[in-house]
């Protein structure tokens, strides 16, 4: 939930002419799911996404992940440090729900707080001034010949939907035969073989 919630949190920046950036603006494309989608209790959200979720539940998962991230980062000064504690507990090897109990305490209470926060409607956001942004050097590296050949197959592996895995693995095997040792080709072949 946090990886996706964090990504959603930073998916709606607003860039002002003075160089400042607004973070934490609500992702309008998640509004329907947040307000009209099926109820996803917080303990279910904290356990993570699973294969049997419907598309509606996935939409709510992303939106509620954003809401929880927003609440912990900007909505509740009393809970700000809890997010760090949660990540530390995960890093220490605790299961997601156990880490949540350690960091957040009563999950049902946090769930009620989150519902109340969603209902407020006026969510805060963070504006960072231009002088706080330091852009590092941006490097663009062209794909190797092998990577250029395997990139479409790789995307099909990553985002496949009920496609047979063996034909795709056969395609990647052929690419690997022509480009042995190419890192992206080898990694893609390993994923294709695991799927097949």
N, C-alpha and C. Protein backbone atom coordinates (compact mmCIF):
# COMPACT_ATOMS: atom_id res chain seq x y z
N UNK A 1 0.82 -1.20 0.00
CA UNK A 1 0.00 0.00 0.00
C UNK A 1 0.86 1.26 0.00
N UNK A 2 1.97 1.22 0.75
CA UNK A 2 2.76 2.45 0.87
C UNK A 2 3.48 2.79 -0.42
N UNK A 3 4.02 1.78 -1.10
CA UNK A 3 4.71 2.06 -2.36
C UNK A 3 3.74 2.72 -3.34
N UNK A 4 2.56 2.15 -3.46
CA UNK A 4 1.57 2.71 -4.38
C UNK A 4 1.01 4.03 -3.85
N UNK A 5 0.76 4.10 -2.55
CA UNK A 5 0.26 5.34 -1.97
C UNK A 5 1.24 6.48 -2.12
N UNK A 6 2.52 6.18 -1.94
CA UNK A 6 3.57 7.18 -2.08
C UNK A 6 3.65 7.66 -3.53
N UNK A 7 3.56 6.71 -4.47
CA UNK A 7 3.58 7.07 -5.89
C UNK A 7 2.39 7.95 -6.23
N UNK A 8 1.22 7.60 -5.71
CA UNK A 8 0.02 8.41 -5.96
C UNK A 8 0.17 9.80 -5.33
N UNK A 9 0.79 9.84 -4.15
CA UNK A 9 0.99 11.11 -3.45
C UNK A 9 1.80 12.09 -4.32
N UNK A 10 2.80 11.57 -5.02
CA UNK A 10 3.65 12.43 -5.86
C UNK A 10 3.21 12.47 -7.32
N UNK A 11 2.04 11.90 -7.62
CA UNK A 11 1.59 11.85 -9.01
C UNK A 11 0.85 13.12 -9.45
N UNK A 12 0.58 14.04 -8.54
CA UNK A 12 -0.23 15.22 -8.88
C UNK A 12 0.48 16.53 -8.53
N UNK A 13 1.75 16.68 -8.88
CA UNK A 13 2.41 17.93 -8.50
C UNK A 13 1.85 19.10 -9.31
N UNK A 14 1.97 20.26 -8.75
CA UNK A 14 1.63 21.48 -9.48
C UNK A 14 2.89 22.34 -9.47
N UNK A 15 3.33 22.74 -10.65
CA UNK A 15 4.54 23.53 -10.78
C UNK A 15 4.16 24.99 -10.99
N UNK A 16 4.56 25.85 -10.07
CA UNK A 16 4.26 27.28 -10.19
C UNK A 16 5.33 27.98 -11.01
N UNK A 17 4.97 29.14 -11.54
CA UNK A 17 5.91 29.93 -12.35
C UNK A 17 7.15 30.35 -11.56
N UNK A 18 7.00 30.48 -10.25
CA UNK A 18 8.15 30.90 -9.44
C UNK A 18 9.10 29.74 -9.13
N UNK A 19 8.78 28.55 -9.63
CA UNK A 19 9.65 27.39 -9.42
C UNK A 19 9.26 26.53 -8.24
N UNK A 20 8.28 26.96 -7.47
CA UNK A 20 7.83 26.14 -6.35
C UNK A 20 6.97 24.99 -6.86
N UNK A 21 6.88 23.96 -6.02
CA UNK A 21 6.11 22.77 -6.40
C UNK A 21 5.17 22.41 -5.26
N UNK A 22 3.93 22.11 -5.62
CA UNK A 22 2.93 21.67 -4.66
C UNK A 22 2.88 20.15 -4.68
N UNK A 23 2.91 19.52 -3.51
CA UNK A 23 2.79 18.08 -3.40
C UNK A 23 1.58 17.74 -2.53
N UNK A 24 1.00 16.58 -2.77
CA UNK A 24 -0.09 16.10 -1.93
C UNK A 24 -1.47 16.51 -2.42
N UNK A 25 -1.52 17.08 -3.63
CA UNK A 25 -2.84 17.43 -4.17
C UNK A 25 -3.62 16.14 -4.45
N UNK A 26 -4.93 16.14 -4.20
CA UNK A 26 -5.71 14.92 -4.40
C UNK A 26 -5.67 14.43 -5.84
N UNK A 27 -5.49 13.12 -6.04
CA UNK A 27 -5.56 12.57 -7.40
C UNK A 27 -7.04 12.42 -7.78
N UNK A 28 -7.54 13.33 -8.58
CA UNK A 28 -8.97 13.33 -8.92
C UNK A 28 -9.42 12.03 -9.56
N UNK A 29 -8.50 11.35 -10.25
CA UNK A 29 -8.84 10.10 -10.92
C UNK A 29 -9.10 8.97 -9.92
N UNK A 30 -8.83 9.19 -8.64
CA UNK A 30 -9.13 8.19 -7.60
C UNK A 30 -10.37 8.55 -6.79
N UNK A 31 -10.99 9.68 -7.08
CA UNK A 31 -12.11 10.16 -6.26
C UNK A 31 -13.30 9.19 -6.28
N UNK A 32 -13.67 8.71 -7.46
CA UNK A 32 -14.84 7.83 -7.53
C UNK A 32 -14.63 6.59 -6.65
N UNK A 33 -13.47 5.96 -6.79
CA UNK A 33 -13.19 4.77 -5.99
C UNK A 33 -13.18 5.06 -4.50
N UNK A 34 -12.59 6.20 -4.12
CA UNK A 34 -12.52 6.55 -2.70
C UNK A 34 -13.89 6.79 -2.08
N UNK A 35 -14.79 7.40 -2.86
CA UNK A 35 -16.08 7.77 -2.29
C UNK A 35 -17.21 6.81 -2.65
N UNK A 36 -17.09 6.11 -3.78
CA UNK A 36 -18.19 5.26 -4.23
C UNK A 36 -17.80 3.80 -4.43
N UNK A 37 -16.52 3.48 -4.32
CA UNK A 37 -16.06 2.11 -4.54
C UNK A 37 -16.36 1.22 -3.35
N UNK A 38 -16.07 -0.07 -3.50
CA UNK A 38 -16.30 -0.99 -2.38
C UNK A 38 -15.42 -0.64 -1.19
N UNK A 39 -15.92 -0.89 -0.02
CA UNK A 39 -15.17 -0.59 1.20
C UNK A 39 -14.00 -1.56 1.35
N UNK A 40 -12.80 -1.03 1.48
CA UNK A 40 -11.61 -1.84 1.75
C UNK A 40 -11.13 -1.47 3.14
N UNK A 41 -11.39 -2.34 4.13
CA UNK A 41 -10.96 -2.03 5.49
C UNK A 41 -9.45 -1.86 5.55
N UNK A 42 -9.00 -1.09 6.49
CA UNK A 42 -7.58 -0.76 6.59
C UNK A 42 -6.71 -1.99 6.79
N UNK A 43 -7.18 -2.97 7.58
CA UNK A 43 -6.36 -4.16 7.77
C UNK A 43 -6.15 -4.92 6.46
N UNK A 44 -7.15 -4.90 5.57
CA UNK A 44 -7.01 -5.52 4.25
C UNK A 44 -6.02 -4.72 3.41
N UNK A 45 -6.11 -3.41 3.46
CA UNK A 45 -5.18 -2.55 2.72
C UNK A 45 -3.75 -2.80 3.18
N UNK A 46 -3.55 -2.90 4.47
CA UNK A 46 -2.21 -3.08 5.03
C UNK A 46 -1.59 -4.43 4.66
N UNK A 47 -2.42 -5.41 4.40
CA UNK A 47 -1.89 -6.72 3.99
C UNK A 47 -1.38 -6.71 2.56
N UNK A 48 -1.80 -5.73 1.77
CA UNK A 48 -1.28 -5.59 0.41
C UNK A 48 -2.24 -6.10 -0.65
N UNK A 49 -1.90 -5.78 -1.89
CA UNK A 49 -2.72 -6.18 -3.02
C UNK A 49 -2.57 -7.68 -3.27
N UNK A 50 -3.63 -8.30 -3.75
CA UNK A 50 -3.56 -9.72 -4.08
C UNK A 50 -4.27 -9.98 -5.40
N UNK A 51 -3.99 -11.12 -6.00
CA UNK A 51 -4.48 -11.46 -7.34
C UNK A 51 -5.99 -11.52 -7.45
N UNK A 52 -6.69 -11.81 -6.37
CA UNK A 52 -8.13 -12.01 -6.46
C UNK A 52 -8.92 -10.71 -6.33
N UNK A 53 -8.23 -9.58 -6.21
CA UNK A 53 -8.93 -8.30 -6.12
C UNK A 53 -9.59 -7.97 -7.46
N UNK A 54 -10.80 -7.43 -7.39
CA UNK A 54 -11.48 -6.97 -8.60
C UNK A 54 -10.85 -5.65 -9.02
N UNK A 55 -11.16 -5.20 -10.24
CA UNK A 55 -10.61 -3.92 -10.69
C UNK A 55 -11.11 -2.77 -9.81
N UNK A 56 -12.35 -2.87 -9.32
CA UNK A 56 -12.87 -1.83 -8.41
C UNK A 56 -12.08 -1.83 -7.10
N UNK A 57 -11.80 -3.02 -6.57
CA UNK A 57 -11.04 -3.10 -5.32
C UNK A 57 -9.62 -2.56 -5.52
N UNK A 58 -9.03 -2.82 -6.69
CA UNK A 58 -7.69 -2.30 -6.97
C UNK A 58 -7.71 -0.77 -7.02
N UNK A 59 -8.74 -0.22 -7.64
CA UNK A 59 -8.86 1.24 -7.70
C UNK A 59 -8.95 1.82 -6.30
N UNK A 60 -9.77 1.20 -5.45
CA UNK A 60 -9.91 1.66 -4.07
C UNK A 60 -8.58 1.47 -3.33
N UNK A 61 -7.88 0.36 -3.60
CA UNK A 61 -6.59 0.10 -2.96
C UNK A 61 -5.62 1.25 -3.23
N UNK A 62 -5.51 1.68 -4.49
CA UNK A 62 -4.61 2.77 -4.83
C UNK A 62 -5.06 4.08 -4.18
N UNK A 63 -6.36 4.36 -4.25
CA UNK A 63 -6.87 5.60 -3.67
C UNK A 63 -6.72 5.64 -2.16
N UNK A 64 -7.03 4.53 -1.52
CA UNK A 64 -6.93 4.48 -0.06
C UNK A 64 -5.47 4.47 0.38
N UNK A 65 -4.60 3.86 -0.44
CA UNK A 65 -3.16 3.92 -0.17
C UNK A 65 -2.68 5.37 -0.22
N UNK A 66 -3.18 6.12 -1.22
CA UNK A 66 -2.84 7.55 -1.30
C UNK A 66 -3.36 8.27 -0.05
N UNK A 67 -4.61 8.00 0.32
CA UNK A 67 -5.22 8.69 1.45
C UNK A 67 -4.45 8.43 2.74
N UNK A 68 -4.08 7.18 2.97
CA UNK A 68 -3.33 6.86 4.19
C UNK A 68 -1.96 7.52 4.17
N UNK A 69 -1.29 7.49 3.04
CA UNK A 69 0.01 8.16 2.92
C UNK A 69 -0.14 9.65 3.20
N UNK A 70 -1.15 10.27 2.60
CA UNK A 70 -1.41 11.70 2.78
C UNK A 70 -1.69 12.01 4.25
N UNK A 71 -2.51 11.18 4.87
CA UNK A 71 -2.87 11.39 6.26
C UNK A 71 -1.64 11.31 7.16
N UNK A 72 -0.80 10.31 6.92
CA UNK A 72 0.37 10.13 7.77
C UNK A 72 1.44 11.20 7.52
N UNK A 73 1.56 11.68 6.28
CA UNK A 73 2.58 12.68 5.96
C UNK A 73 2.12 14.11 6.27
N UNK A 74 0.85 14.41 6.00
CA UNK A 74 0.39 15.80 6.10
C UNK A 74 -0.83 16.02 6.99
N UNK A 75 -1.60 14.98 7.25
CA UNK A 75 -2.89 15.18 7.89
C UNK A 75 -2.92 15.08 9.40
N UNK A 76 -1.91 14.43 9.97
CA UNK A 76 -1.95 14.21 11.41
C UNK A 76 -0.56 14.36 12.01
N UNK A 77 -0.25 15.54 12.58
CA UNK A 77 1.06 15.72 13.21
C UNK A 77 1.36 14.64 14.26
N UNK A 78 0.33 14.15 14.92
CA UNK A 78 0.53 13.14 15.96
C UNK A 78 0.97 11.80 15.37
N UNK A 79 0.70 11.59 14.09
CA UNK A 79 1.02 10.30 13.47
C UNK A 79 2.22 10.37 12.53
N UNK A 80 2.81 11.54 12.33
CA UNK A 80 3.91 11.70 11.38
C UNK A 80 5.04 10.70 11.59
N UNK A 81 5.51 10.54 12.80
CA UNK A 81 6.65 9.67 13.09
C UNK A 81 6.28 8.19 12.95
N UNK A 82 4.98 7.89 12.95
CA UNK A 82 4.56 6.50 12.88
C UNK A 82 4.88 5.86 11.53
N UNK A 83 4.89 6.65 10.48
CA UNK A 83 5.21 6.09 9.17
C UNK A 83 6.65 5.58 9.14
N UNK A 84 7.57 6.35 9.70
CA UNK A 84 8.97 5.89 9.79
C UNK A 84 9.05 4.61 10.62
N UNK A 85 8.31 4.59 11.72
CA UNK A 85 8.32 3.41 12.60
C UNK A 85 7.78 2.19 11.85
N UNK A 86 6.75 2.39 11.03
CA UNK A 86 6.17 1.31 10.25
C UNK A 86 7.20 0.75 9.26
N UNK A 87 7.87 1.62 8.53
CA UNK A 87 8.86 1.19 7.55
C UNK A 87 10.02 0.49 8.25
N UNK A 88 10.43 0.99 9.39
CA UNK A 88 11.51 0.34 10.16
C UNK A 88 11.09 -1.06 10.60
N UNK A 89 9.84 -1.22 11.02
CA UNK A 89 9.36 -2.54 11.45
C UNK A 89 9.33 -3.51 10.27
N UNK A 90 8.91 -3.02 9.10
CA UNK A 90 8.94 -3.87 7.90
C UNK A 90 10.38 -4.27 7.58
N UNK A 91 11.28 -3.30 7.65
CA UNK A 91 12.69 -3.57 7.35
C UNK A 91 13.30 -4.56 8.33
N UNK A 92 12.77 -4.59 9.53
CA UNK A 92 13.27 -5.53 10.54
C UNK A 92 12.68 -6.93 10.37
N UNK A 93 11.80 -7.09 9.37
CA UNK A 93 11.27 -8.41 9.07
C UNK A 93 9.87 -8.70 9.58
N UNK A 94 9.21 -7.71 10.17
CA UNK A 94 7.84 -7.93 10.65
C UNK A 94 6.88 -8.05 9.47
N UNK A 95 5.88 -8.88 9.62
CA UNK A 95 4.81 -8.98 8.62
C UNK A 95 4.09 -7.63 8.55
N UNK A 96 3.52 -7.29 7.39
CA UNK A 96 2.90 -5.97 7.24
C UNK A 96 1.89 -5.60 8.32
N UNK A 97 1.01 -6.53 8.66
CA UNK A 97 -0.01 -6.22 9.67
C UNK A 97 0.61 -6.07 11.06
N UNK A 98 1.61 -6.89 11.36
CA UNK A 98 2.30 -6.78 12.65
C UNK A 98 3.05 -5.44 12.73
N UNK A 99 3.70 -5.06 11.63
CA UNK A 99 4.41 -3.78 11.59
C UNK A 99 3.44 -2.63 11.79
N UNK A 100 2.25 -2.75 11.20
CA UNK A 100 1.23 -1.72 11.35
C UNK A 100 0.77 -1.60 12.80
N UNK A 101 0.55 -2.72 13.46
CA UNK A 101 0.14 -2.69 14.88
C UNK A 101 1.23 -2.04 15.74
N UNK A 102 2.48 -2.39 15.46
CA UNK A 102 3.59 -1.80 16.23
C UNK A 102 3.66 -0.29 16.02
N UNK A 103 3.47 0.14 14.79
CA UNK A 103 3.65 1.57 14.47
C UNK A 103 2.41 2.41 14.76
N UNK A 104 1.25 1.89 14.37
CA UNK A 104 0.03 2.70 14.42
C UNK A 104 -0.86 2.41 15.61
N UNK A 105 -0.61 1.32 16.30
CA UNK A 105 -1.48 0.96 17.41
C UNK A 105 -2.77 0.34 16.93
N UNK A 106 -3.88 0.84 17.43
CA UNK A 106 -5.21 0.30 17.11
C UNK A 106 -5.56 0.58 15.65
N UNK A 107 -5.58 -0.46 14.82
CA UNK A 107 -5.84 -0.31 13.39
C UNK A 107 -7.27 0.14 13.13
N UNK A 108 -8.21 -0.34 13.91
CA UNK A 108 -9.61 0.07 13.72
C UNK A 108 -9.76 1.57 14.00
N UNK A 109 -9.05 2.07 14.99
CA UNK A 109 -9.10 3.51 15.28
C UNK A 109 -8.51 4.30 14.12
N UNK A 110 -7.37 3.85 13.60
CA UNK A 110 -6.76 4.53 12.45
C UNK A 110 -7.70 4.48 11.25
N UNK A 111 -8.39 3.38 11.07
CA UNK A 111 -9.35 3.24 9.97
C UNK A 111 -10.46 4.29 10.09
N UNK A 112 -10.98 4.47 11.32
CA UNK A 112 -12.02 5.49 11.55
C UNK A 112 -11.47 6.89 11.30
N UNK A 113 -10.25 7.14 11.76
CA UNK A 113 -9.62 8.45 11.53
C UNK A 113 -9.47 8.72 10.03
N UNK A 114 -9.10 7.68 9.30
CA UNK A 114 -8.90 7.82 7.86
C UNK A 114 -10.23 8.13 7.16
N UNK A 115 -11.29 7.46 7.56
CA UNK A 115 -12.62 7.74 6.98
C UNK A 115 -13.04 9.17 7.28
N UNK A 116 -12.78 9.62 8.50
CA UNK A 116 -13.12 10.98 8.89
C UNK A 116 -12.29 11.99 8.08
N UNK A 117 -11.02 11.67 7.90
CA UNK A 117 -10.12 12.54 7.13
C UNK A 117 -10.59 12.67 5.69
N UNK A 118 -11.01 11.55 5.11
CA UNK A 118 -11.51 11.56 3.73
C UNK A 118 -12.75 12.44 3.63
N UNK A 119 -13.60 12.39 4.63
CA UNK A 119 -14.86 13.13 4.60
C UNK A 119 -14.69 14.63 4.77
N UNK A 120 -13.53 15.07 5.30
CA UNK A 120 -13.31 16.50 5.52
C UNK A 120 -13.33 17.28 4.21
N UNK A 121 -12.82 16.68 3.16
CA UNK A 121 -12.86 17.34 1.86
C UNK A 121 -11.75 18.33 1.60
N UNK A 122 -11.32 19.06 2.61
CA UNK A 122 -10.26 20.05 2.41
C UNK A 122 -8.95 19.47 2.92
N UNK A 123 -8.22 18.82 2.04
CA UNK A 123 -6.97 18.19 2.43
C UNK A 123 -5.81 19.16 2.24
N UNK A 124 -4.86 19.07 3.12
CA UNK A 124 -3.70 19.96 3.05
C UNK A 124 -2.74 19.47 1.96
N UNK A 125 -1.81 20.32 1.63
CA UNK A 125 -0.77 19.97 0.67
C UNK A 125 0.50 20.67 1.09
N UNK A 126 1.58 20.29 0.49
CA UNK A 126 2.90 20.85 0.84
C UNK A 126 3.43 21.61 -0.36
N UNK A 127 3.87 22.84 -0.13
CA UNK A 127 4.50 23.63 -1.19
C UNK A 127 5.97 23.77 -0.84
N UNK A 128 6.81 23.37 -1.76
CA UNK A 128 8.25 23.53 -1.54
C UNK A 128 8.75 24.63 -2.46
N UNK A 129 9.44 25.62 -1.91
CA UNK A 129 9.92 26.74 -2.73
C UNK A 129 11.00 26.30 -3.71
N UNK A 130 11.18 27.10 -4.74
CA UNK A 130 12.12 26.77 -5.81
C UNK A 130 13.53 26.55 -5.29
N UNK A 131 13.95 27.33 -4.30
CA UNK A 131 15.33 27.21 -3.82
C UNK A 131 15.60 25.91 -3.07
N UNK A 132 14.56 25.13 -2.81
CA UNK A 132 14.75 23.83 -2.15
C UNK A 132 14.93 22.68 -3.14
N UNK A 133 14.73 22.97 -4.42
CA UNK A 133 14.85 21.93 -5.44
C UNK A 133 16.23 21.97 -6.05
N UNK A 134 16.93 20.88 -5.90
CA UNK A 134 18.26 20.77 -6.50
C UNK A 134 18.21 19.57 -7.44
N UNK A 135 18.21 19.86 -8.72
CA UNK A 135 18.15 18.79 -9.71
C UNK A 135 19.55 18.24 -9.93
N UNK A 136 19.67 16.94 -9.83
CA UNK A 136 20.93 16.29 -10.12
C UNK A 136 21.13 16.18 -11.61
N UNK A 137 22.28 15.69 -11.98
CA UNK A 137 22.57 15.51 -13.40
C UNK A 137 21.68 14.39 -13.94
N UNK A 138 21.10 14.64 -15.08
CA UNK A 138 20.24 13.64 -15.72
C UNK A 138 21.02 12.97 -16.83
N UNK A 139 21.06 11.66 -16.78
CA UNK A 139 21.78 10.90 -17.80
C UNK A 139 20.79 10.00 -18.52
N UNK A 140 20.88 9.98 -19.83
CA UNK A 140 20.06 9.09 -20.64
C UNK A 140 21.01 8.12 -21.33
N UNK A 141 20.78 6.85 -21.10
CA UNK A 141 21.63 5.83 -21.68
C UNK A 141 20.83 5.08 -22.74
N UNK A 142 21.35 5.00 -23.95
CA UNK A 142 20.61 4.26 -24.98
C UNK A 142 20.55 2.78 -24.64
N UNK A 143 19.49 2.13 -25.09
CA UNK A 143 19.36 0.69 -24.88
C UNK A 143 20.39 -0.05 -25.70
N UNK A 144 20.85 -1.16 -25.17
CA UNK A 144 21.71 -2.04 -25.96
C UNK A 144 20.85 -2.64 -27.08
N UNK A 145 21.48 -3.24 -28.06
CA UNK A 145 20.73 -3.86 -29.16
C UNK A 145 19.81 -4.96 -28.63
N UNK A 146 20.32 -5.76 -27.70
CA UNK A 146 19.51 -6.82 -27.11
C UNK A 146 18.33 -6.27 -26.33
N UNK A 147 18.60 -5.24 -25.53
CA UNK A 147 17.53 -4.63 -24.74
C UNK A 147 16.45 -4.06 -25.65
N UNK A 148 16.84 -3.44 -26.74
CA UNK A 148 15.87 -2.88 -27.69
C UNK A 148 14.99 -3.98 -28.27
N UNK A 149 15.56 -5.17 -28.46
CA UNK A 149 14.79 -6.29 -29.01
C UNK A 149 13.83 -6.90 -27.98
N UNK A 150 14.22 -6.87 -26.71
CA UNK A 150 13.45 -7.58 -25.69
C UNK A 150 12.47 -6.67 -24.94
N UNK A 151 12.52 -5.37 -25.14
CA UNK A 151 11.75 -4.44 -24.31
C UNK A 151 10.24 -4.65 -24.44
N UNK A 152 9.74 -4.94 -25.64
CA UNK A 152 8.30 -5.16 -25.80
C UNK A 152 7.88 -6.46 -25.10
N UNK A 153 8.69 -7.51 -25.27
CA UNK A 153 8.39 -8.77 -24.58
C UNK A 153 8.42 -8.56 -23.07
N UNK A 154 9.35 -7.75 -22.60
CA UNK A 154 9.45 -7.47 -21.16
C UNK A 154 8.19 -6.79 -20.66
N UNK A 155 7.68 -5.84 -21.41
CA UNK A 155 6.45 -5.16 -20.98
C UNK A 155 5.27 -6.13 -20.97
N UNK A 156 5.24 -7.07 -21.92
CA UNK A 156 4.16 -8.07 -21.92
C UNK A 156 4.26 -8.98 -20.71
N UNK A 157 5.49 -9.29 -20.30
CA UNK A 157 5.67 -10.13 -19.11
C UNK A 157 5.22 -9.38 -17.87
N UNK A 158 5.59 -8.11 -17.78
CA UNK A 158 5.26 -7.32 -16.59
C UNK A 158 3.75 -7.06 -16.48
N UNK A 159 3.09 -6.87 -17.62
CA UNK A 159 1.69 -6.44 -17.59
C UNK A 159 0.77 -7.42 -18.31
N UNK A 160 1.15 -8.69 -18.32
CA UNK A 160 0.34 -9.69 -19.02
C UNK A 160 -0.99 -9.87 -18.31
N UNK A 161 -1.98 -10.16 -19.11
CA UNK A 161 -3.30 -10.43 -18.54
C UNK A 161 -3.83 -11.71 -19.17
N UNK A 162 -3.70 -12.79 -18.44
CA UNK A 162 -4.21 -14.08 -18.87
C UNK A 162 -3.68 -14.52 -20.23
N UNK A 163 -2.44 -14.18 -20.55
CA UNK A 163 -1.80 -14.65 -21.78
C UNK A 163 -1.00 -15.90 -21.44
N UNK A 164 -0.94 -16.87 -22.37
CA UNK A 164 -0.10 -18.04 -22.12
C UNK A 164 1.36 -17.61 -22.01
N UNK A 165 2.06 -18.15 -21.04
CA UNK A 165 3.44 -17.71 -20.77
C UNK A 165 4.46 -18.37 -21.69
N UNK A 166 4.20 -19.59 -22.13
CA UNK A 166 5.21 -20.32 -22.91
C UNK A 166 5.55 -19.66 -24.25
N UNK A 167 4.59 -19.18 -25.05
CA UNK A 167 4.97 -18.52 -26.31
C UNK A 167 5.86 -17.29 -26.09
N UNK A 168 5.60 -16.57 -25.04
CA UNK A 168 6.41 -15.39 -24.73
C UNK A 168 7.81 -15.82 -24.30
N UNK A 169 7.90 -16.87 -23.51
CA UNK A 169 9.21 -17.39 -23.11
C UNK A 169 10.00 -17.85 -24.33
N UNK A 170 9.33 -18.50 -25.28
CA UNK A 170 10.01 -18.95 -26.51
C UNK A 170 10.55 -17.75 -27.28
N UNK A 171 9.78 -16.68 -27.34
CA UNK A 171 10.22 -15.46 -28.03
C UNK A 171 11.47 -14.88 -27.35
N UNK A 172 11.47 -14.84 -26.04
CA UNK A 172 12.61 -14.28 -25.31
C UNK A 172 13.83 -15.20 -25.43
N UNK A 173 13.59 -16.51 -25.46
CA UNK A 173 14.71 -17.44 -25.66
C UNK A 173 15.43 -17.15 -26.99
N UNK A 174 14.64 -16.88 -28.02
CA UNK A 174 15.22 -16.58 -29.33
C UNK A 174 16.03 -15.27 -29.29
N UNK A 175 15.52 -14.29 -28.60
CA UNK A 175 16.26 -13.02 -28.46
C UNK A 175 17.55 -13.26 -27.68
N UNK A 176 17.47 -14.05 -26.62
CA UNK A 176 18.66 -14.35 -25.81
C UNK A 176 19.70 -15.12 -26.62
N UNK A 177 19.24 -15.99 -27.53
CA UNK A 177 20.17 -16.73 -28.38
C UNK A 177 21.00 -15.77 -29.24
N UNK A 178 20.36 -14.68 -29.68
CA UNK A 178 21.07 -13.70 -30.52
C UNK A 178 21.88 -12.69 -29.72
N UNK A 179 21.49 -12.49 -28.44
CA UNK A 179 22.17 -11.49 -27.61
C UNK A 179 22.54 -12.09 -26.24
N UNK A 180 23.36 -13.15 -26.23
CA UNK A 180 23.70 -13.78 -24.94
C UNK A 180 24.51 -12.81 -24.07
N UNK A 181 24.22 -12.84 -22.78
CA UNK A 181 24.98 -12.02 -21.85
C UNK A 181 24.45 -10.61 -21.66
N UNK A 182 23.50 -10.18 -22.46
CA UNK A 182 22.91 -8.84 -22.28
C UNK A 182 22.08 -8.86 -21.00
N UNK A 183 22.40 -7.96 -20.08
CA UNK A 183 21.79 -8.00 -18.74
C UNK A 183 20.26 -7.96 -18.77
N UNK A 184 19.68 -7.04 -19.53
CA UNK A 184 18.22 -6.94 -19.56
C UNK A 184 17.60 -8.15 -20.25
N UNK A 185 18.26 -8.66 -21.27
CA UNK A 185 17.75 -9.85 -21.96
C UNK A 185 17.76 -11.03 -21.00
N UNK A 186 18.86 -11.21 -20.28
CA UNK A 186 18.97 -12.34 -19.34
C UNK A 186 17.93 -12.22 -18.22
N UNK A 187 17.75 -11.02 -17.69
CA UNK A 187 16.76 -10.82 -16.62
C UNK A 187 15.36 -11.10 -17.14
N UNK A 188 15.07 -10.64 -18.36
CA UNK A 188 13.75 -10.86 -18.95
C UNK A 188 13.53 -12.35 -19.20
N UNK A 189 14.56 -13.04 -19.66
CA UNK A 189 14.45 -14.47 -19.89
C UNK A 189 14.16 -15.20 -18.58
N UNK A 190 14.85 -14.81 -17.52
CA UNK A 190 14.61 -15.46 -16.22
C UNK A 190 13.15 -15.28 -15.80
N UNK A 191 12.59 -14.08 -15.97
CA UNK A 191 11.19 -13.84 -15.60
C UNK A 191 10.25 -14.64 -16.50
N UNK A 192 10.58 -14.68 -17.80
CA UNK A 192 9.73 -15.44 -18.73
C UNK A 192 9.74 -16.92 -18.40
N UNK A 193 10.91 -17.45 -18.06
CA UNK A 193 11.02 -18.87 -17.72
C UNK A 193 10.27 -19.17 -16.42
N UNK A 194 10.36 -18.29 -15.46
CA UNK A 194 9.62 -18.49 -14.21
C UNK A 194 8.12 -18.52 -14.48
N UNK A 195 7.65 -17.63 -15.32
CA UNK A 195 6.24 -17.59 -15.64
C UNK A 195 5.80 -18.84 -16.39
N UNK A 196 6.67 -19.30 -17.31
CA UNK A 196 6.32 -20.50 -18.10
C UNK A 196 6.38 -21.74 -17.23
